[in-house]
């Protein structure tokens, strides 16, 4: 783990991390990729239904993903801090 990078990230706060990395970084990106892939694999008559649903569901899951990544990173950071002492 890059300690300096995480120290700067955690200074900006958990909410910002969850929004940027969870909702936008994972949720929106995954929603767009999933909707495009599903339209390619199984085309539908109404092309806008899947993206709208995906852009609602995946960012909500991104909140959970962001919280889990924050917790994992904090645990690794604390472990590195304790090891350095």
Protein backbone atom coordinates (compact mmCIF):
# COMPACT_ATOMS: atom_id res chain seq x y z
CA UNK A 1 0.00 0.00 0.00
CA UNK A 2 1.22 3.48 -0.85
CA UNK A 3 1.05 5.08 2.59
CA UNK A 4 1.49 8.68 1.44
CA UNK A 5 -1.20 8.39 -1.21
CA UNK A 6 -3.67 6.84 1.22
CA UNK A 7 -2.86 9.47 3.86
CA UNK A 8 -3.81 12.19 1.34
CA UNK A 9 -6.93 10.28 0.27
CA UNK A 10 -8.15 9.79 3.83
CA UNK A 11 -7.63 13.49 4.59
CA UNK A 12 -10.24 14.25 1.93
CA UNK A 13 -12.73 12.06 3.79
CA UNK A 14 -14.71 8.89 3.48
CA UNK A 15 -17.73 10.46 1.77
CA UNK A 16 -15.62 11.85 -1.05
CA UNK A 17 -13.81 8.52 -1.44
CA UNK A 18 -17.08 6.59 -1.62
CA UNK A 19 -18.53 9.06 -4.13
CA UNK A 20 -15.48 9.17 -6.42
CA UNK A 21 -14.30 5.56 -6.20
CA UNK A 22 -17.52 3.73 -5.40
CA UNK A 23 -20.37 5.57 -7.09
CA UNK A 24 -18.59 7.20 -10.03
CA UNK A 25 -15.55 4.97 -10.44
CA UNK A 26 -17.24 1.61 -10.03
CA UNK A 27 -21.01 2.17 -10.15
CA UNK A 28 -21.42 4.41 -13.18
CA UNK A 29 -18.62 2.76 -15.14
CA UNK A 30 -20.00 -0.71 -14.50
CA UNK A 31 -23.53 0.44 -15.36
CA UNK A 32 -22.44 1.77 -18.75
CA UNK A 33 -20.34 -1.29 -19.58
CA UNK A 34 -23.05 -3.71 -18.44
CA UNK A 35 -25.81 -1.92 -20.38
CA UNK A 36 -23.68 -1.83 -23.55
CA UNK A 37 -22.70 -5.48 -23.22
CA UNK A 38 -26.28 -6.60 -22.56
CA UNK A 39 -27.53 -4.63 -25.57
CA UNK A 40 -24.90 -6.33 -27.72
CA UNK A 41 -25.62 -9.83 -26.37
CA UNK A 42 -29.39 -9.54 -26.15
CA UNK A 43 -30.78 -6.49 -28.02
CA UNK A 44 -34.04 -5.05 -26.78
CA UNK A 45 -36.67 -2.93 -28.51
CA UNK A 46 -36.40 -0.09 -26.02
CA UNK A 47 -32.70 0.74 -25.93
CA UNK A 48 -33.00 3.19 -22.99
CA UNK A 49 -34.55 0.90 -20.37
CA UNK A 50 -31.39 -1.04 -19.42
CA UNK A 51 -29.10 1.99 -19.14
CA UNK A 52 -31.62 3.86 -16.98
CA UNK A 53 -32.10 0.89 -14.66
CA UNK A 54 -28.34 0.21 -14.59
CA UNK A 55 -27.54 3.85 -13.82
CA UNK A 56 -29.84 3.57 -10.83
CA UNK A 57 -28.83 0.16 -9.44
CA UNK A 58 -25.06 0.02 -10.02
CA UNK A 59 -24.24 3.36 -8.35
CA UNK A 60 -26.20 2.22 -5.28
CA UNK A 61 -24.07 -0.92 -5.25
CA UNK A 62 -21.08 1.40 -5.75
CA UNK A 63 -21.82 2.97 -2.36
CA UNK A 64 -21.38 -0.47 -0.75
CA UNK A 65 -18.27 -1.10 -2.86
CA UNK A 66 -16.79 2.26 -1.81
CA UNK A 67 -17.43 1.56 1.88
CA UNK A 68 -15.84 -1.88 1.61
CA UNK A 69 -12.78 -0.47 -0.17
CA UNK A 70 -12.45 2.28 2.45
CA UNK A 71 -12.61 -0.28 5.26
CA UNK A 72 -10.07 -2.53 3.53
CA UNK A 73 -7.70 0.38 2.88
CA UNK A 74 -8.02 1.69 6.42
CA UNK A 75 -7.24 -1.76 7.81
CA UNK A 76 -4.13 -2.04 5.61
CA UNK A 77 -3.09 1.52 6.54
CA UNK A 78 -3.45 0.83 10.27
CA UNK A 79 -1.46 -2.37 9.88
CA UNK A 80 1.36 -0.50 8.11
CA UNK A 81 1.33 2.25 10.75
CA UNK A 82 1.58 -0.31 13.56
CA UNK A 83 4.36 -2.15 11.73
CA UNK A 84 6.32 1.11 11.31
CA UNK A 85 6.17 1.84 15.04
